Amino acid sequence: MITIGFSPHRAEIIPYARQIMEQHQIIVLEEPPHPKFEDMLNGNLSIADYLMEIDIGFPEFEHLMCKEAIKLHQKKKELLQIEPYLERLLEIHEYFAQGKTPAEVLNIAHLKAVYLAEKSATGALINYYARSIEKDFKQVIESVKAFANADARRLKLRSILRAGAIATLDTNKKIYVETGYIHYPLYRYLLKDFNGNQNIRVVYLMQPVFKKLRCKRRNMGPGDILTLYYALNLPVKEDVANLLAARSLIYTQLIQTEEMLPAHSNPTPHSLEEALVNRLVDCLGFEDCKTIYSETRFKNRRESLDFVKSYI
């Protein structure tokens, strides 16, 4: 049996992840292999020293997950780092560091698709940044949709590669797959790779929290929703895509990007923050977003939040 555990990379998910990971024999982590991972698990390398070796976006989450990984290892669970897309991306960066040109990298068969996907997404993101300082709101919206489309193509390739690697594991054992919310295509590609011959279940780790907070769409922001429309090849009307893109501009301005830690008074700070911001942007129409964006695009998060609250 394979369990796909969808969750954000936040410290607050640790108790929910722990409960389900302990029920499985193989734990597949959403990260590329690192040569010192086993040393960290075996206690031959401190967590702090290990984390200095890798690129981390959420240090507190990564530190806590390493602690959990060590405990699971001590319980004889098999922990595997499987993320072929990121593994190949790191390889591309290493080639560039060695002085190789893009043309030379494109001639390396297993790296070509990743290089092109990353180049497309990065180019679309740069274009969005350039457009975001302009006054033409329509052009900004088009750049958001273009990035979401490019990001969706990258996401699909990442899911295809990861599903293929997971499909080679020993399915006589219970397998848990750590996965971010945005990577829902992974489920589809695993179903395809196993051709219906494997029991694959999906679990949303934070669903009890989302239910309590009365969240919609599993608490995903409008930008992620738009990206998933494209990644899953779902039909989306132009006015819906435009509205999601417009709301995502406001959502990005309002959401707290700094890592927050659970506390007794607020055990799920990110989930609560995202739920509150989603409720705000869900109230906005396209023209509302246009007005708010013109007034807040050069303001900080607190100023933008105050403006939106007063606007609504």
C-alpha atoms as a PDB file:
ATOM      1  CA  MET A   1       0.000   0.000   0.000  1.00  0.00           C
ATOM      2  CA  ILE A   2       1.163   3.514  -0.825  1.00  0.00           C
ATOM      3  CA  THR A   3      -0.017   6.522   1.179  1.00  0.00           C
ATOM      4  CA  ILE A   4       0.519   9.983  -0.289  1.00  0.00           C
ATOM      5  CA  GLY A   5       0.567  12.532   2.510  1.00  0.00           C
ATOM      6  CA  PHE A   6      -0.177  16.000   1.170  1.00  0.00           C
ATOM      7  CA  SER A   7       0.977  18.789   3.478  1.00  0.00           C
ATOM      8  CA  PRO A   8       2.862  22.088   3.505  1.00  0.00           C
ATOM      9  CA  HIS A   9       6.464  22.225   4.722  1.00  0.00           C
ATOM     10  CA  ARG A  10       5.605  23.811   8.054  1.00  0.00           C
ATOM     11  CA  ALA A  11       6.624  22.948  11.600  1.00  0.00           C
ATOM     12  CA  GLU A  12       2.968  22.682  12.612  1.00  0.00           C
ATOM     13  CA  ILE A  13       2.442  19.556  10.487  1.00  0.00           C
ATOM     14  CA  ILE A  14       4.999  17.472  12.419  1.00  0.00           C
ATOM     15  CA  PRO A  15       2.548  15.847  14.900  1.00  0.00           C
ATOM     16  CA  TYR A  16       0.198  14.898  12.058  1.00  0.00           C
ATOM     17  CA  ALA A  17       3.046  13.561   9.903  1.00  0.00           C
ATOM     18  CA  ARG A  18       4.534  11.589  12.799  1.00  0.00           C
ATOM     19  CA  GLN A  19       1.289   9.759  13.462  1.00  0.00           C
ATOM     20  CA  ILE A  20       0.947   8.517   9.905  1.00  0.00           C
ATOM     21  CA  MET A  21       4.639   7.905   9.127  1.00  0.00           C
ATOM     22  CA  GLU A  22       4.909   5.508  12.052  1.00  0.00           C
ATOM     23  CA  GLN A  23       2.280   3.301  10.388  1.00  0.00           C
ATOM     24  CA  HIS A  24       4.544   2.642   7.378  1.00  0.00           C
ATOM     25  CA  GLN A  25       7.750   0.733   6.740  1.00  0.00           C
ATOM     26  CA  ILE A  26       9.220   2.942   4.002  1.00  0.00           C
ATOM     27  CA  ILE A  27       9.204   6.734   4.279  1.00  0.00           C
ATOM     28  CA  VAL A  28       9.813   8.608   1.026  1.00  0.00           C
ATOM     29  CA  LEU A  29      10.967  12.158   1.694  1.00  0.00           C
ATOM     30  CA  GLU A  30      10.414  15.002  -0.755  1.00  0.00           C
ATOM     31  CA  GLU A  31      14.067  15.922  -1.167  1.00  0.00           C
ATOM     32  CA  PRO A  32      17.026  14.931  -3.342  1.00  0.00           C
ATOM     33  CA  PRO A  33      19.516  12.365  -2.008  1.00  0.00           C
ATOM     34  CA  HIS A  34      22.394  13.716   0.066  1.00  0.00           C
ATOM     35  CA  PRO A  35      25.576  11.721   0.744  1.00  0.00           C
ATOM     36  CA  LYS A  36      25.598  12.674   4.426  1.00  0.00           C
ATOM     37  CA  PHE A  37      21.968  11.800   5.132  1.00  0.00           C
ATOM     38  CA  GLU A  38      22.847   8.370   6.533  1.00  0.00           C
ATOM     39  CA  ASP A  39      25.539   9.897   8.755  1.00  0.00           C
ATOM     40  CA  MET A  40      22.930  12.239  10.218  1.00  0.00           C
ATOM     41  CA  LEU A  41      20.474   9.395  10.791  1.00  0.00           C
ATOM     42  CA  ASN A  42      23.123   7.286  12.500  1.00  0.00           C
ATOM     43  CA  GLY A  43      24.238  10.118  14.782  1.00  0.00           C
ATOM     44  CA  ASN A  44      27.651  10.507  13.133  1.00  0.00           C
ATOM     45  CA  LEU A  45      26.766  14.028  12.018  1.00  0.00           C
ATOM     46  CA  SER A  46      24.761  16.593  13.958  1.00  0.00           C
ATOM     47  CA  ILE A  47      21.500  17.887  12.515  1.00  0.00           C
ATOM     48  CA  ALA A  48      22.923  21.424  12.514  1.00  0.00           C
ATOM     49  CA  ASP A  49      25.988  20.358  10.535  1.00  0.00           C
ATOM     50  CA  TYR A  50      23.858  18.333   8.125  1.00  0.00           C
ATOM     51  CA  LEU A  51      21.509  21.249   7.456  1.00  0.00           C
ATOM     52  CA  MET A  52      24.491  23.477   6.685  1.00  0.00           C
ATOM     53  CA  GLU A  53      25.231  21.119   3.791  1.00  0.00           C
ATOM     54  CA  ILE A  54      21.852  21.502   2.078  1.00  0.00           C
ATOM     55  CA  ASP A  55      19.700  24.262   0.637  1.00  0.00           C
ATOM     56  CA  ILE A  56      16.757  24.771   3.000  1.00  0.00           C
ATOM     57  CA  GLY A  57      13.799  27.092   2.736  1.00  0.00           C
ATOM     58  CA  PHE A  58      12.212  26.357   6.108  1.00  0.00           C
ATOM     59  CA  PRO A  59      14.994  25.793   8.672  1.00  0.00           C
ATOM     60  CA  GLU A  60      12.787  25.100  11.698  1.00  0.00           C
ATOM     61  CA  PHE A  61      10.681  22.603   9.743  1.00  0.00           C
ATOM     62  CA  GLU A  62      13.779  20.885   8.360  1.00  0.00           C
ATOM     63  CA  HIS A  63      15.360  20.664  11.813  1.00  0.00           C
ATOM     64  CA  LEU A  64      12.245  19.118  13.334  1.00  0.00           C
ATOM     65  CA  MET A  65      11.850  16.717  10.415  1.00  0.00           C
ATOM     66  CA  CYS A  66      15.437  15.563  10.859  1.00  0.00           C
ATOM     67  CA  LYS A  67      14.636  14.800  14.498  1.00  0.00           C
ATOM     68  CA  GLU A  68      11.624  12.765  13.390  1.00  0.00           C
ATOM     69  CA  ALA A  69      13.712  11.002  10.737  1.00  0.00           C
ATOM     70  CA  ILE A  70      16.239   9.919  13.355  1.00  0.00           C
ATOM     71  CA  LYS A  71      13.480   8.526  15.586  1.00  0.00           C
ATOM     72  CA  LEU A  72      11.960   6.653  12.642  1.00  0.00           C
ATOM     73  CA  HIS A  73      15.372   5.286  11.684  1.00  0.00           C
ATOM     74  CA  GLN A  74      15.850   4.023  15.226  1.00  0.00           C
ATOM     75  CA  LYS A  75      12.526   2.211  14.860  1.00  0.00           C
ATOM     76  CA  LYS A  76      13.952   0.414  11.800  1.00  0.00           C
ATOM     77  CA  LYS A  77      11.928   2.418   9.271  1.00  0.00           C
ATOM     78  CA  GLU A  78      13.557   2.804   5.856  1.00  0.00           C
ATOM     79  CA  LEU A  79      13.939   6.470   4.930  1.00  0.00           C
ATOM     80  CA  LEU A  80      14.524   7.360   1.300  1.00  0.00           C
ATOM     81  CA  GLN A  81      15.225  10.736  -0.294  1.00  0.00           C
ATOM     82  CA  ILE A  82      13.478  10.623  -3.673  1.00  0.00           C
ATOM     83  CA  GLU A  83      13.110  13.777  -5.759  1.00  0.00           C
ATOM     84  CA  PRO A  84      14.663  13.166  -9.216  1.00  0.00           C
ATOM     85  CA  TYR A  85      13.769  16.587 -10.605  1.00  0.00           C
ATOM     86  CA  LEU A  86      15.633  18.441  -7.856  1.00  0.00           C
ATOM     87  CA  GLU A  87      18.458  15.906  -8.040  1.00  0.00           C
ATOM     88  CA  ARG A  88      18.893  16.666 -11.734  1.00  0.00           C
ATOM     89  CA  LEU A  89      18.571  20.398 -11.129  1.00  0.00           C
ATOM     90  CA  LEU A  90      21.440  20.202  -8.645  1.00  0.00           C
ATOM     91  CA  GLU A  91      23.437  18.314 -11.253  1.00  0.00           C
ATOM     92  CA  ILE A  92      22.758  21.111 -13.759  1.00  0.00           C
ATOM     93  CA  HIS A  93      24.001  23.697 -11.261  1.00  0.00           C
ATOM     94  CA  GLU A  94      27.154  21.646 -10.706  1.00  0.00           C
ATOM     95  CA  TYR A  95      27.827  21.532 -14.453  1.00  0.00           C
ATOM     96  CA  PHE A  96      27.420  25.296 -14.683  1.00  0.00           C
ATOM     97  CA  ALA A  97      29.802  25.715 -11.740  1.00  0.00           C
ATOM     98  CA  GLN A  98      32.317  23.662 -13.722  1.00  0.00           C
ATOM     99  CA  GLY A  99      32.028  26.128 -16.600  1.00  0.00           C
ATOM    100  CA  LYS A 100      29.765  24.130 -18.922  1.00  0.00           C
ATOM    101  CA  THR A 101      27.479  26.102 -21.247  1.00  0.00           C
ATOM    102  CA  PRO A 102      23.690  25.723 -21.595  1.00  0.00           C
ATOM    103  CA  ALA A 103      24.263  24.090 -24.995  1.00  0.00           C
ATOM    104  CA  GLU A 104      26.492  21.463 -23.389  1.00  0.00           C
ATOM    105  CA  VAL A 105      23.930  20.772 -20.654  1.00  0.00           C
ATOM    106  CA  LEU A 106      21.184  20.407 -23.276  1.00  0.00           C
ATOM    107  CA  ASN A 107      23.227  17.623 -24.872  1.00  0.00           C
ATOM    108  CA  ILE A 108      23.035  15.558 -21.659  1.00  0.00           C
ATOM    109  CA  ALA A 109      19.916  13.491 -22.317  1.00  0.00           C
ATOM    110  CA  HIS A 110      18.574  13.025 -18.787  1.00  0.00           C
ATOM    111  CA  LEU A 111      19.004  16.739 -17.954  1.00  0.00           C
ATOM    112  CA  LYS A 112      17.454  18.326 -21.042  1.00  0.00           C
ATOM    113  CA  ALA A 113      13.786  18.261 -19.983  1.00  0.00           C
ATOM    114  CA  VAL A 114      14.570  19.588 -16.497  1.00  0.00           C
ATOM    115  CA  TYR A 115      16.750  22.372 -17.897  1.00  0.00           C
ATOM    116  CA  LEU A 116      14.054  23.476 -20.354  1.00  0.00           C
ATOM    117  CA  ALA A 117      11.281  23.333 -17.728  1.00  0.00           C
ATOM    118  CA  GLU A 118      13.338  25.339 -15.262  1.00  0.00           C
ATOM    119  CA  LYS A 119      14.367  27.870 -17.895  1.00  0.00           C
ATOM    120  CA  SER A 120      10.744  28.382 -18.953  1.00  0.00           C
ATOM    121  CA  ALA A 121       9.475  28.820 -15.386  1.00  0.00           C
ATOM    122  CA  THR A 122      12.333  31.140 -14.408  1.00  0.00           C
ATOM    123  CA  GLY A 123      11.830  33.243 -17.518  1.00  0.00           C
ATOM    124  CA  ALA A 124       8.100  33.540 -16.816  1.00  0.00           C
ATOM    125  CA  LEU A 125       8.814  34.538 -13.222  1.00  0.00           C
ATOM    126  CA  ILE A 126      11.282  37.230 -14.293  1.00  0.00           C
ATOM    127  CA  ASN A 127       8.723  38.542 -16.771  1.00  0.00           C
ATOM    128  CA  TYR A 128       6.125  38.679 -13.981  1.00  0.00           C
ATOM    129  CA  TYR A 129       8.491  40.668 -11.758  1.00  0.00           C
ATOM    130  CA  ALA A 130       9.141  43.088 -14.615  1.00  0.00           C
ATOM    131  CA  ARG A 131       5.432  43.508 -15.350  1.00  0.00           C
ATOM    132  CA  SER A 132       4.469  43.840 -11.685  1.00  0.00           C
ATOM    133  CA  ILE A 133       5.949  47.334 -11.433  1.00  0.00           C
ATOM    134  CA  GLU A 134       3.999  48.565 -14.441  1.00  0.00           C
ATOM    135  CA  LYS A 135       0.597  50.254 -14.354  1.00  0.00           C
ATOM    136  CA  ASP A 136      -1.055  48.022 -16.963  1.00  0.00           C
ATOM    137  CA  PHE A 137      -2.993  45.615 -14.723  1.00  0.00           C
ATOM    138  CA  LYS A 138      -4.038  43.431 -17.649  1.00  0.00           C
ATOM    139  CA  GLN A 139      -0.400  42.805 -18.560  1.00  0.00           C
ATOM    140  CA  VAL A 140       0.379  41.942 -14.964  1.00  0.00           C
ATOM    141  CA  ILE A 141      -2.485  39.419 -14.963  1.00  0.00           C
ATOM    142  CA  GLU A 142      -1.250  37.875 -18.215  1.00  0.00           C
ATOM    143  CA  SER A 143       2.233  37.500 -16.719  1.00  0.00           C
ATOM    144  CA  VAL A 144       0.769  35.775 -13.630  1.00  0.00           C
ATOM    145  CA  LYS A 145      -1.109  33.287 -15.821  1.00  0.00           C
ATOM    146  CA  ALA A 146       1.981  32.695 -17.971  1.00  0.00           C
ATOM    147  CA  PHE A 147       4.033  31.895 -14.885  1.00  0.00           C
ATOM    148  CA  ALA A 148       1.308  29.614 -13.484  1.00  0.00           C
ATOM    149  CA  ASN A 149       1.306  27.754 -16.811  1.00  0.00           C
ATOM    150  CA  ALA A 150       5.091  27.382 -16.882  1.00  0.00           C
ATOM    151  CA  ASP A 151       5.134  26.368 -13.225  1.00  0.00           C
ATOM    152  CA  ALA A 152       2.442  23.769 -13.949  1.00  0.00           C
ATOM    153  CA  ARG A 153       4.558  22.215 -16.708  1.00  0.00           C
ATOM    154  CA  ARG A 154       7.512  22.067 -14.331  1.00  0.00           C
ATOM    155  CA  LEU A 155       5.293  20.569 -11.643  1.00  0.00           C
ATOM    156  CA  LYS A 156       4.034  17.853 -14.007  1.00  0.00           C
ATOM    157  CA  LEU A 157       7.559  16.871 -15.025  1.00  0.00           C
ATOM    158  CA  ARG A 158       8.608  16.771 -11.384  1.00  0.00           C
ATOM    159  CA  SER A 159       5.657  14.502 -10.572  1.00  0.00           C
ATOM    160  CA  ILE A 160       6.309  12.218 -13.540  1.00  0.00           C
ATOM    161  CA  LEU A 161       9.945  11.705 -12.559  1.00  0.00           C
ATOM    162  CA  ARG A 162       9.131  11.149  -8.897  1.00  0.00           C
ATOM    163  CA  ALA A 163       6.294   8.717  -9.636  1.00  0.00           C
ATOM    164  CA  GLY A 164       8.609   6.695 -11.853  1.00  0.00           C
ATOM    165  CA  ALA A 165      11.192   6.427  -9.085  1.00  0.00           C
ATOM    166  CA  ILE A 166       8.619   5.512  -6.425  1.00  0.00           C
ATOM    167  CA  ALA A 167       7.176   2.828  -8.707  1.00  0.00           C
ATOM    168  CA  THR A 168      10.455   0.888  -8.437  1.00  0.00           C
ATOM    169  CA  LEU A 169      10.172   0.428  -4.657  1.00  0.00           C
ATOM    170  CA  ASP A 170       9.159  -2.739  -2.835  1.00  0.00           C
ATOM    171  CA  THR A 171       5.369  -2.422  -2.747  1.00  0.00           C
ATOM    172  CA  ASN A 172       5.061  -5.449  -0.475  1.00  0.00           C
ATOM    173  CA  LYS A 173       5.880  -2.953   2.256  1.00  0.00           C
ATOM    174  CA  LYS A 174       3.746  -0.032   3.382  1.00  0.00           C
ATOM    175  CA  ILE A 175       5.101   3.133   1.765  1.00  0.00           C
ATOM    176  CA  TYR A 176       4.495   6.699   2.899  1.00  0.00           C
ATOM    177  CA  VAL A 177       5.224   9.491   0.417  1.00  0.00           C
ATOM    178  CA  GLU A 178       5.806  13.019   1.710  1.00  0.00           C
ATOM    179  CA  THR A 179       4.318  15.474  -0.785  1.00  0.00           C
ATOM    180  CA  GLY A 180       3.500  19.175  -0.949  1.00  0.00           C
ATOM    181  CA  TYR A 181      -0.116  20.196  -1.635  1.00  0.00           C
ATOM    182  CA  ILE A 182       0.703  21.600  -5.051  1.00  0.00           C
ATOM    183  CA  HIS A 183       2.010  18.217  -6.247  1.00  0.00           C
ATOM    184  CA  TYR A 184      -1.360  16.541  -6.644  1.00  0.00           C
ATOM    185  CA  PRO A 185      -0.407  15.315 -10.168  1.00  0.00           C
ATOM    186  CA  LEU A 186       1.895  12.834  -8.424  1.00  0.00           C
ATOM    187  CA  TYR A 187      -1.177  10.829  -7.455  1.00  0.00           C
ATOM    188  CA  ARG A 188      -2.335  10.628 -11.071  1.00  0.00           C
ATOM    189  CA  TYR A 189       1.077   9.551 -12.343  1.00  0.00           C
ATOM    190  CA  LEU A 190       1.444   6.889  -9.650  1.00  0.00           C
ATOM    191  CA  LEU A 191      -1.950   5.487 -10.638  1.00  0.00           C
ATOM    192  CA  LYS A 192      -0.781   5.418 -14.239  1.00  0.00           C
ATOM    193  CA  ASP A 193       2.586   3.794 -13.444  1.00  0.00           C
ATOM    194  CA  PHE A 194       0.972   1.033 -11.398  1.00  0.00           C
ATOM    195  CA  ASN A 195      -1.858   0.609 -13.902  1.00  0.00           C
ATOM    196  CA  GLY A 196      -4.425   0.141 -11.146  1.00  0.00           C
ATOM    197  CA  ASN A 197      -2.478  -2.731  -9.581  1.00  0.00           C
ATOM    198  CA  GLN A 198      -1.576  -0.953  -6.363  1.00  0.00           C
ATOM    199  CA  ASN A 199      -3.628   0.399  -3.481  1.00  0.00           C
ATOM    200  CA  ILE A 200      -2.824   4.113  -3.416  1.00  0.00           C
ATOM    201  CA  ARG A 201      -4.545   6.334  -0.913  1.00  0.00           C
ATOM    202  CA  VAL A 202      -4.403  10.078  -0.432  1.00  0.00           C
ATOM    203  CA  VAL A 203      -4.286  11.740   2.984  1.00  0.00           C
ATOM    204  CA  TYR A 204      -4.390  15.491   3.642  1.00  0.00           C
ATOM    205  CA  LEU A 205      -2.480  15.745   6.909  1.00  0.00           C
ATOM    206  CA  MET A 206      -3.937  19.082   7.973  1.00  0.00           C
ATOM    207  CA  GLN A 207      -7.536  18.284   7.049  1.00  0.00           C
ATOM    208  CA  PRO A 208      -8.672  18.110  10.728  1.00  0.00           C
ATOM    209  CA  VAL A 209      -7.294  21.624  11.188  1.00  0.00           C
ATOM    210  CA  PHE A 210      -8.819  22.896   7.954  1.00  0.00           C
ATOM    211  CA  LYS A 211     -12.174  21.459   8.918  1.00  0.00           C
ATOM    212  CA  LYS A 212     -12.025  23.213  12.271  1.00  0.00           C
ATOM    213  CA  LEU A 213     -11.069  26.491  10.585  1.00  0.00           C
ATOM    214  CA  ARG A 214     -13.789  25.965   7.954  1.00  0.00           C
ATOM    215  CA  CYS A 215     -11.288  26.389   5.141  1.00  0.00           C
ATOM    216  CA  LYS A 216     -12.203  26.126   1.486  1.00  0.00           C
ATOM    217  CA  ARG A 217     -10.139  24.308  -1.173  1.00  0.00           C
ATOM    218  CA  ARG A 218      -7.945  22.681   1.512  1.00  0.00           C
ATOM    219  CA  ASN A 219      -6.680  26.178   2.372  1.00  0.00           C
ATOM    220  CA  MET A 220      -4.762  26.645  -0.877  1.00  0.00           C
ATOM    221  CA  GLY A 221      -4.244  30.168  -2.154  1.00  0.00           C
ATOM    222  CA  PRO A 222      -5.663  31.376  -5.491  1.00  0.00           C
ATOM    223  CA  GLY A 223      -2.286  31.142  -7.241  1.00  0.00           C
ATOM    224  CA  ASP A 224      -1.910  27.473  -6.319  1.00  0.00           C
ATOM    225  CA  ILE A 225      -5.479  26.799  -7.447  1.00  0.00           C
ATOM    226  CA  LEU A 226      -4.734  28.359 -10.835  1.00  0.00           C
ATOM    227  CA  THR A 227      -1.519  26.358 -11.175  1.00  0.00           C
ATOM    228  CA  LEU A 228      -3.379  23.134 -10.387  1.00  0.00           C
ATOM    229  CA  TYR A 229      -5.995  23.904 -13.036  1.00  0.00           C
ATOM    230  CA  TYR A 230      -3.176  23.983 -15.584  1.00  0.00           C
ATOM    231  CA  ALA A 231      -1.204  21.079 -14.098  1.00  0.00           C
ATOM    232  CA  LEU A 232      -4.237  18.783 -14.087  1.00  0.00           C
ATOM    233  CA  ASN A 233      -5.311  19.932 -17.575  1.00  0.00           C
ATOM    234  CA  LEU A 234      -8.664  21.060 -16.213  1.00  0.00           C
ATOM    235  CA  PRO A 235     -10.781  23.453 -18.279  1.00  0.00           C
ATOM    236  CA  VAL A 236     -10.780  26.945 -16.799  1.00  0.00           C
ATOM    237  CA  LYS A 237     -12.755  29.869 -18.197  1.00  0.00           C
ATOM    238  CA  GLU A 238     -10.768  32.991 -18.962  1.00  0.00           C
ATOM    239  CA  ASP A 239     -12.663  35.130 -16.465  1.00  0.00           C
ATOM    240  CA  VAL A 240     -12.050  32.530 -13.725  1.00  0.00           C
ATOM    241  CA  ALA A 241      -8.338  32.357 -14.555  1.00  0.00           C
ATOM    242  CA  ASN A 242      -8.143  36.159 -14.562  1.00  0.00           C
ATOM    243  CA  LEU A 243      -9.888  36.369 -11.183  1.00  0.00           C
ATOM    244  CA  LEU A 244      -7.613  33.742  -9.617  1.00  0.00           C
ATOM    245  CA  ALA A 245      -4.559  35.548 -11.000  1.00  0.00           C
ATOM    246  CA  ALA A 246      -5.831  38.885  -9.672  1.00  0.00           C
ATOM    247  CA  ARG A 247      -6.597  37.453  -6.242  1.00  0.00           C
ATOM    248  CA  SER A 248      -3.181  35.796  -6.145  1.00  0.00           C
ATOM    249  CA  LEU A 249      -1.540  39.217  -6.502  1.00  0.00           C
ATOM    250  CA  ILE A 250      -3.348  40.434  -3.398  1.00  0.00           C
ATOM    251  CA  TYR A 251      -2.840  37.133  -1.537  1.00  0.00           C
ATOM    252  CA  THR A 252       0.917  37.369  -2.118  1.00  0.00           C
ATOM    253  CA  GLN A 253       0.975  40.860  -0.646  1.00  0.00           C
ATOM    254  CA  LEU A 254      -0.947  39.822   2.467  1.00  0.00           C
ATOM    255  CA  ILE A 255       0.424  36.425   3.400  1.00  0.00           C
ATOM    256  CA  GLN A 256       3.140  35.981   6.033  1.00  0.00           C
ATOM    257  CA  THR A 257       6.177  34.442   4.326  1.00  0.00           C
ATOM    258  CA  GLU A 258       8.398  34.204   7.393  1.00  0.00           C
ATOM    259  CA  GLU A 259       8.443  30.802   9.086  1.00  0.00           C
ATOM    260  CA  MET A 260       6.206  30.703  12.172  1.00  0.00           C
ATOM    261  CA  LEU A 261       6.412  28.165  14.965  1.00  0.00           C
ATOM    262  CA  PRO A 262       3.518  26.451  16.750  1.00  0.00           C
ATOM    263  CA  ALA A 263       2.619  27.710  20.210  1.00  0.00           C
ATOM    264  CA  HIS A 264       0.186  26.539  22.855  1.00  0.00           C
ATOM    265  CA  SER A 265      -2.096  29.479  22.071  1.00  0.00           C
ATOM    266  CA  ASN A 266      -1.808  28.885  18.306  1.00  0.00           C
ATOM    267  CA  PRO A 267      -0.588  25.396  17.348  1.00  0.00           C
ATOM    268  CA  THR A 268      -1.155  25.958  13.610  1.00  0.00           C
ATOM    269  CA  PRO A 269      -0.121  29.576  12.872  1.00  0.00           C
ATOM    270  CA  HIS A 270       0.409  29.194   9.127  1.00  0.00           C
ATOM    271  CA  SER A 271      -2.892  27.391   8.594  1.00  0.00           C
ATOM    272  CA  LEU A 272      -4.722  30.103  10.500  1.00  0.00           C
ATOM    273  CA  GLU A 273      -2.902  32.882   8.652  1.00  0.00           C
ATOM    274  CA  GLU A 274      -3.644  31.330   5.257  1.00  0.00           C
ATOM    275  CA  ALA A 275      -7.300  30.772   6.163  1.00  0.00           C
ATOM    276  CA  LEU A 276      -7.711  34.421   7.184  1.00  0.00           C
ATOM    277  CA  VAL A 277      -6.043  35.751   4.033  1.00  0.00           C
ATOM    278  CA  ASN A 278      -8.057  33.389   1.832  1.00  0.00           C
ATOM    279  CA  ARG A 279     -11.257  34.682   3.412  1.00  0.00           C
ATOM    280  CA  LEU A 280     -10.217  38.232   2.603  1.00  0.00           C
ATOM    281  CA  VAL A 281      -9.309  37.646  -1.043  1.00  0.00           C
ATOM    282  CA  ASP A 282     -12.369  35.447  -1.608  1.00  0.00           C
ATOM    283  CA  CYS A 283     -14.418  38.614  -1.085  1.00  0.00           C
ATOM    284  CA  LEU A 284     -12.691  40.402  -3.960  1.00  0.00           C
ATOM    285  CA  GLY A 285     -13.800  40.681  -7.560  1.00  0.00           C
ATOM    286  CA  PHE A 286     -11.462  41.420 -10.455  1.00  0.00           C
ATOM    287  CA  GLU A 287     -11.990  45.188 -10.324  1.00  0.00           C
ATOM    288  CA  ASP A 288     -11.520  45.136  -6.538  1.00  0.00           C
ATOM    289  CA  CYS A 289      -8.146  43.469  -7.010  1.00  0.00           C
ATOM    290  CA  LYS A 290      -7.200  46.014  -9.657  1.00  0.00           C
ATOM    291  CA  THR A 291      -8.000  48.899  -7.314  1.00  0.00           C
ATOM    292  CA  ILE A 292      -6.261  47.338  -4.312  1.00  0.00           C
ATOM    293  CA  TYR A 293      -3.177  46.381  -6.317  1.00  0.00           C
ATOM    294  CA  SER A 294      -2.718  49.921  -7.624  1.00  0.00           C
ATOM    295  CA  GLU A 295      -2.880  51.231  -4.057  1.00  0.00           C
ATOM    296  CA  THR A 296      -0.761  48.606  -2.307  1.00  0.00           C
ATOM    297  CA  ARG A 297       1.835  47.248  -4.742  1.00  0.00           C
ATOM    298  CA  PHE A 298       4.593  49.342  -3.143  1.00  0.00           C
ATOM    299  CA  LYS A 299       3.345  48.984   0.434  1.00  0.00           C
ATOM    300  CA  ASN A 300       4.585  46.485   2.997  1.00  0.00           C
ATOM    301  CA  ARG A 301       2.533  43.544   4.214  1.00  0.00           C
ATOM    302  CA  ARG A 302       1.049  45.281   7.269  1.00  0.00           C
ATOM    303  CA  GLU A 303       0.068  48.386   5.312  1.00  0.00           C
ATOM    304  CA  SER A 304      -1.484  46.240   2.562  1.00  0.00           C
ATOM    305  CA  LEU A 305      -3.409  44.182   5.106  1.00  0.00           C
ATOM    306  CA  ASP A 306      -4.803  47.304   6.773  1.00  0.00           C
ATOM    307  CA  PHE A 307      -5.839  48.732   3.412  1.00  0.00           C
ATOM    308  CA  VAL A 308      -7.644  45.547   2.322  1.00  0.00           C
ATOM    309  CA  LYS A 309      -9.485  45.268   5.629  1.00  0.00           C
ATOM    310  CA  SER A 310     -10.657  48.872   5.371  1.00  0.00           C
ATOM    311  CA  TYR A 311     -11.562  48.380   1.709  1.00  0.00           C
ATOM    312  CA  ILE A 312     -13.736  45.355   2.408  1.00  0.00           C
END
